[in-house]
């Protein structure tokens, strides 16, 4: 096969591309991490802290169970999930 007989094929993913949506300017210029609290600190051009709003936290647990009549065969498996959000 020669290079002249090869056909260039456009990757399928490029047909799904579109321009980025309109962006919204944010009031901060830089972000750093407070070494003590491990939280992000947003600063404006004058070096003042910018409040970026509150957000909640969440946690969850999951348990798994497995039972059988004889302890060895015919397992009946189940699971349970639970979550909390503030």
C-alpha atoms as a PDB file:
ATOM      1  CA  UNK A   1       0.000   0.000   0.000  1.00  0.00           C
ATOM      2  CA  UNK A   2       1.345   3.422  -0.890  1.00  0.00           C
ATOM      3  CA  UNK A   3       0.883   6.720   0.911  1.00  0.00           C
ATOM      4  CA  UNK A   4      -1.051   8.034  -2.093  1.00  0.00           C
ATOM      5  CA  UNK A   5      -3.733   5.356  -1.658  1.00  0.00           C
ATOM      6  CA  UNK A   6      -4.373   6.123   2.024  1.00  0.00           C
ATOM      7  CA  UNK A   7      -7.414   8.224   2.930  1.00  0.00           C
ATOM      8  CA  UNK A   8      -7.333  10.666   5.829  1.00  0.00           C
ATOM      9  CA  UNK A   9     -10.208   9.998   8.215  1.00  0.00           C
ATOM     10  CA  UNK A  10     -11.401  12.627  10.678  1.00  0.00           C
ATOM     11  CA  UNK A  11     -11.638  11.217  14.264  1.00  0.00           C
ATOM     12  CA  UNK A  12     -15.296  10.770  15.283  1.00  0.00           C
ATOM     13  CA  UNK A  13     -14.847  12.791  18.485  1.00  0.00           C
ATOM     14  CA  UNK A  14     -14.032  15.989  16.621  1.00  0.00           C
ATOM     15  CA  UNK A  15     -17.571  16.082  15.222  1.00  0.00           C
ATOM     16  CA  UNK A  16     -18.823  16.421  18.802  1.00  0.00           C
ATOM     17  CA  UNK A  17     -16.720  19.499  19.599  1.00  0.00           C
ATOM     18  CA  UNK A  18     -18.364  22.880  20.069  1.00  0.00           C
ATOM     19  CA  UNK A  19     -17.195  26.296  21.277  1.00  0.00           C
ATOM     20  CA  UNK A  20     -16.878  26.812  25.013  1.00  0.00           C
ATOM     21  CA  UNK A  21     -19.936  28.460  26.603  1.00  0.00           C
ATOM     22  CA  UNK A  22     -19.787  32.115  27.555  1.00  0.00           C
ATOM     23  CA  UNK A  23     -17.599  32.520  30.613  1.00  0.00           C
ATOM     24  CA  UNK A  24     -18.357  34.621  33.669  1.00  0.00           C
ATOM     25  CA  UNK A  25     -15.527  36.770  35.057  1.00  0.00           C
ATOM     26  CA  UNK A  26     -14.701  35.966  38.678  1.00  0.00           C
ATOM     27  CA  UNK A  27     -13.604  38.626  41.179  1.00  0.00           C
ATOM     28  CA  UNK A  28     -10.426  36.819  42.212  1.00  0.00           C
ATOM     29  CA  UNK A  29      -6.979  37.021  40.655  1.00  0.00           C
ATOM     30  CA  UNK A  30      -5.136  34.286  42.524  1.00  0.00           C
ATOM     31  CA  UNK A  31      -5.876  31.219  44.617  1.00  0.00           C
ATOM     32  CA  UNK A  32      -3.676  29.683  47.296  1.00  0.00           C
ATOM     33  CA  UNK A  33      -4.128  27.029  49.980  1.00  0.00           C
ATOM     34  CA  UNK A  34      -4.044  27.935  53.671  1.00  0.00           C
ATOM     35  CA  UNK A  35      -1.497  25.462  55.094  1.00  0.00           C
ATOM     36  CA  UNK A  36      -3.297  25.306  58.448  1.00  0.00           C
ATOM     37  CA  UNK A  37      -6.891  24.759  57.301  1.00  0.00           C
ATOM     38  CA  UNK A  38      -6.157  23.268  53.828  1.00  0.00           C
ATOM     39  CA  UNK A  39      -8.855  25.580  52.412  1.00  0.00           C
ATOM     40  CA  UNK A  40      -8.545  27.707  49.276  1.00  0.00           C
ATOM     41  CA  UNK A  41      -7.985  31.441  49.739  1.00  0.00           C
ATOM     42  CA  UNK A  42      -9.104  33.668  46.847  1.00  0.00           C
ATOM     43  CA  UNK A  43      -7.416  37.081  46.556  1.00  0.00           C
ATOM     44  CA  UNK A  44      -8.360  40.109  44.424  1.00  0.00           C
ATOM     45  CA  UNK A  45      -5.898  42.397  42.608  1.00  0.00           C
ATOM     46  CA  UNK A  46      -5.310  44.419  45.808  1.00  0.00           C
ATOM     47  CA  UNK A  47      -4.481  41.267  47.799  1.00  0.00           C
ATOM     48  CA  UNK A  48      -7.754  41.268  49.757  1.00  0.00           C
ATOM     49  CA  UNK A  49      -9.569  38.001  50.472  1.00  0.00           C
ATOM     50  CA  UNK A  50     -12.627  37.490  48.248  1.00  0.00           C
ATOM     51  CA  UNK A  51     -15.556  35.466  49.644  1.00  0.00           C
ATOM     52  CA  UNK A  52     -16.519  32.892  47.009  1.00  0.00           C
ATOM     53  CA  UNK A  53     -19.751  31.763  48.643  1.00  0.00           C
ATOM     54  CA  UNK A  54     -20.640  28.852  50.859  1.00  0.00           C
ATOM     55  CA  UNK A  55     -20.961  25.238  49.888  1.00  0.00           C
ATOM     56  CA  UNK A  56     -22.138  22.172  51.728  1.00  0.00           C
ATOM     57  CA  UNK A  57     -20.329  19.037  52.668  1.00  0.00           C
ATOM     58  CA  UNK A  58     -21.505  15.494  52.354  1.00  0.00           C
ATOM     59  CA  UNK A  59     -20.594  12.064  53.628  1.00  0.00           C
ATOM     60  CA  UNK A  60     -21.859   8.593  52.973  1.00  0.00           C
ATOM     61  CA  UNK A  61     -21.585   5.016  54.150  1.00  0.00           C
ATOM     62  CA  UNK A  62     -22.216   1.695  52.462  1.00  0.00           C
ATOM     63  CA  UNK A  63     -22.558  -1.695  54.070  1.00  0.00           C
ATOM     64  CA  UNK A  64     -22.630  -5.089  52.432  1.00  0.00           C
ATOM     65  CA  UNK A  65     -24.252  -8.234  53.793  1.00  0.00           C
ATOM     66  CA  UNK A  66     -24.031 -11.866  52.800  1.00  0.00           C
ATOM     67  CA  UNK A  67     -26.123 -14.642  54.333  1.00  0.00           C
ATOM     68  CA  UNK A  68     -26.829 -18.303  53.631  1.00  0.00           C
ATOM     69  CA  UNK A  69     -28.676 -21.083  55.369  1.00  0.00           C
ATOM     70  CA  UNK A  70     -25.613 -23.286  55.890  1.00  0.00           C
ATOM     71  CA  UNK A  71     -23.010 -20.518  55.961  1.00  0.00           C
ATOM     72  CA  UNK A  72     -21.349 -21.814  52.792  1.00  0.00           C
ATOM     73  CA  UNK A  73     -23.704 -22.158  49.809  1.00  0.00           C
ATOM     74  CA  UNK A  74     -26.584 -20.250  48.271  1.00  0.00           C
ATOM     75  CA  UNK A  75     -25.474 -16.785  49.348  1.00  0.00           C
ATOM     76  CA  UNK A  76     -28.145 -14.093  49.513  1.00  0.00           C
ATOM     77  CA  UNK A  77     -26.308 -10.810  49.106  1.00  0.00           C
ATOM     78  CA  UNK A  78     -27.554  -7.313  49.757  1.00  0.00           C
ATOM     79  CA  UNK A  79     -26.273  -3.843  50.424  1.00  0.00           C
ATOM     80  CA  UNK A  80     -27.360  -0.631  52.100  1.00  0.00           C
ATOM     81  CA  UNK A  81     -26.386   2.977  51.374  1.00  0.00           C
ATOM     82  CA  UNK A  82     -26.885   6.183  53.289  1.00  0.00           C
ATOM     83  CA  UNK A  83     -25.772   9.769  52.765  1.00  0.00           C
ATOM     84  CA  UNK A  84     -25.857  13.098  54.607  1.00  0.00           C
ATOM     85  CA  UNK A  85     -25.522  16.598  53.210  1.00  0.00           C
ATOM     86  CA  UNK A  86     -25.445  19.998  54.916  1.00  0.00           C
END
